[in-house]
């Protein structure tokens, strides 16, 4: 997923709060928002998909 898609997904999320705004600012400020090399922080995600 590319940066613009992540920004769009977060922007489209219906809840508006400080966490949403801070996340958008973080992604816009740091091009390496996903990297462990970013000493300010990093945005990561994971999921498990299970078919029962």
N, C-alpha and C. Protein backbone atom coordinates (compact mmCIF):
# COMPACT_ATOMS: atom_id res chain seq x y z
N UNK A 1 0.85 -1.17 0.00
CA UNK A 1 0.00 0.00 0.00
C UNK A 1 0.90 1.24 0.00
N UNK A 2 0.53 2.18 -0.81
CA UNK A 2 1.36 3.38 -0.91
C UNK A 2 0.84 4.48 0.02
N UNK A 3 1.69 5.44 0.27
CA UNK A 3 1.41 6.51 1.23
C UNK A 3 0.07 7.21 0.95
N UNK A 4 -0.19 7.55 -0.29
CA UNK A 4 -1.43 8.26 -0.61
C UNK A 4 -2.67 7.43 -0.29
N UNK A 5 -2.58 6.11 -0.48
CA UNK A 5 -3.71 5.23 -0.15
C UNK A 5 -3.94 5.18 1.37
N UNK A 6 -2.87 5.13 2.12
CA UNK A 6 -2.99 5.12 3.58
C UNK A 6 -3.60 6.42 4.07
N UNK A 7 -3.13 7.54 3.54
CA UNK A 7 -3.69 8.84 3.92
C UNK A 7 -5.18 8.91 3.59
N UNK A 8 -5.56 8.38 2.43
CA UNK A 8 -6.97 8.41 2.04
C UNK A 8 -7.82 7.53 2.96
N UNK A 9 -7.33 6.34 3.28
CA UNK A 9 -8.08 5.45 4.19
C UNK A 9 -8.29 6.09 5.55
N UNK A 10 -7.27 6.70 6.09
CA UNK A 10 -7.40 7.34 7.40
C UNK A 10 -8.31 8.56 7.30
N UNK A 11 -8.19 9.33 6.24
CA UNK A 11 -9.05 10.51 6.06
C UNK A 11 -10.52 10.12 5.94
N UNK A 12 -10.79 9.00 5.30
CA UNK A 12 -12.17 8.54 5.10
C UNK A 12 -12.79 7.89 6.34
N UNK A 13 -11.97 7.56 7.34
CA UNK A 13 -12.49 6.92 8.54
C UNK A 13 -13.48 7.86 9.20
N UNK A 14 -14.68 7.36 9.56
CA UNK A 14 -15.76 8.25 10.00
C UNK A 14 -15.51 8.97 11.34
N UNK A 15 -14.73 8.40 12.21
CA UNK A 15 -14.50 9.03 13.51
C UNK A 15 -13.44 10.12 13.40
N UNK A 16 -13.76 11.28 13.92
CA UNK A 16 -12.81 12.39 13.93
C UNK A 16 -12.38 12.64 15.37
N UNK A 17 -11.11 12.44 15.64
CA UNK A 17 -10.58 12.71 16.97
C UNK A 17 -9.11 13.09 16.85
N UNK A 18 -8.50 13.37 17.99
CA UNK A 18 -7.10 13.82 17.99
C UNK A 18 -6.16 12.75 17.46
N UNK A 19 -6.44 11.48 17.76
CA UNK A 19 -5.57 10.41 17.28
C UNK A 19 -5.54 10.33 15.76
N UNK A 20 -6.68 10.50 15.14
CA UNK A 20 -6.75 10.48 13.68
C UNK A 20 -5.93 11.63 13.10
N UNK A 21 -6.10 12.80 13.65
CA UNK A 21 -5.37 13.97 13.15
C UNK A 21 -3.87 13.84 13.37
N UNK A 22 -3.48 13.34 14.53
CA UNK A 22 -2.05 13.16 14.82
C UNK A 22 -1.43 12.12 13.90
N UNK A 23 -2.18 11.07 13.59
CA UNK A 23 -1.68 10.04 12.67
C UNK A 23 -1.48 10.62 11.28
N UNK A 24 -2.44 11.41 10.81
CA UNK A 24 -2.31 12.05 9.49
C UNK A 24 -1.10 12.99 9.46
N UNK A 25 -0.92 13.76 10.51
CA UNK A 25 0.23 14.67 10.58
C UNK A 25 1.54 13.88 10.56
N UNK A 26 1.59 12.80 11.32
CA UNK A 26 2.79 11.97 11.38
C UNK A 26 3.15 11.42 10.01
N UNK A 27 2.17 10.87 9.31
CA UNK A 27 2.43 10.28 7.98
C UNK A 27 2.85 11.36 6.98
N UNK A 28 2.24 12.52 7.06
CA UNK A 28 2.59 13.61 6.14
C UNK A 28 3.97 14.19 6.44
N UNK A 29 4.37 14.16 7.71
CA UNK A 29 5.64 14.76 8.13
C UNK A 29 6.83 13.86 7.85
N UNK A 30 6.65 12.56 8.03
CA UNK A 30 7.77 11.62 7.93
C UNK A 30 7.57 10.66 6.75
N UNK A 31 8.31 10.84 5.67
CA UNK A 31 8.19 9.94 4.52
C UNK A 31 8.53 8.49 4.87
N UNK A 32 9.35 8.31 5.91
CA UNK A 32 9.70 6.95 6.34
C UNK A 32 8.88 6.53 7.56
N UNK A 33 7.59 6.88 7.56
CA UNK A 33 6.70 6.60 8.69
C UNK A 33 6.59 5.12 9.02
N UNK A 34 6.96 4.27 8.10
CA UNK A 34 6.85 2.81 8.24
C UNK A 34 8.15 2.16 8.71
N UNK A 35 9.24 2.92 8.77
CA UNK A 35 10.57 2.36 8.98
C UNK A 35 11.01 2.37 10.45
N UNK A 36 11.70 1.31 10.86
CA UNK A 36 12.29 1.28 12.20
C UNK A 36 13.41 2.31 12.33
N UNK A 37 13.92 2.78 11.23
CA UNK A 37 14.97 3.80 11.25
C UNK A 37 14.44 5.18 11.64
N UNK A 38 13.13 5.36 11.58
CA UNK A 38 12.51 6.61 12.00
C UNK A 38 12.49 6.63 13.53
N UNK A 39 13.34 7.46 14.12
CA UNK A 39 13.48 7.49 15.57
C UNK A 39 12.29 8.12 16.29
N UNK A 40 11.45 8.84 15.57
CA UNK A 40 10.26 9.44 16.16
C UNK A 40 9.19 8.39 16.41
N UNK A 41 9.09 7.41 15.53
CA UNK A 41 8.10 6.35 15.66
C UNK A 41 7.90 5.66 14.33
N UNK A 42 6.97 4.73 14.31
CA UNK A 42 6.65 4.05 13.07
C UNK A 42 5.21 3.59 13.09
N UNK A 43 4.62 3.52 11.92
CA UNK A 43 3.25 3.03 11.76
C UNK A 43 3.35 1.61 11.23
N UNK A 44 2.79 0.68 11.98
CA UNK A 44 2.80 -0.72 11.56
C UNK A 44 1.39 -1.29 11.69
N UNK A 45 1.18 -2.39 11.03
CA UNK A 45 -0.12 -3.06 11.10
C UNK A 45 0.06 -4.54 10.83
N UNK A 46 -0.84 -5.31 11.33
CA UNK A 46 -0.84 -6.74 11.05
C UNK A 46 -2.26 -7.27 11.23
N UNK A 47 -2.49 -8.42 10.69
CA UNK A 47 -3.80 -9.05 10.89
C UNK A 47 -3.68 -10.55 10.69
N UNK A 48 -4.61 -11.25 11.22
CA UNK A 48 -4.71 -12.69 11.00
C UNK A 48 -6.03 -12.93 10.28
N UNK A 49 -5.98 -13.68 9.21
CA UNK A 49 -7.18 -14.04 8.49
C UNK A 49 -7.36 -15.55 8.67
N UNK A 50 -8.47 -15.91 9.28
CA UNK A 50 -8.72 -17.31 9.60
C UNK A 50 -10.04 -17.73 8.96
N UNK A 51 -9.99 -18.81 8.25
CA UNK A 51 -11.21 -19.37 7.65
C UNK A 51 -11.56 -20.63 8.45
N UNK A 52 -12.74 -20.60 9.03
CA UNK A 52 -13.18 -21.74 9.85
C UNK A 52 -14.24 -22.54 9.10
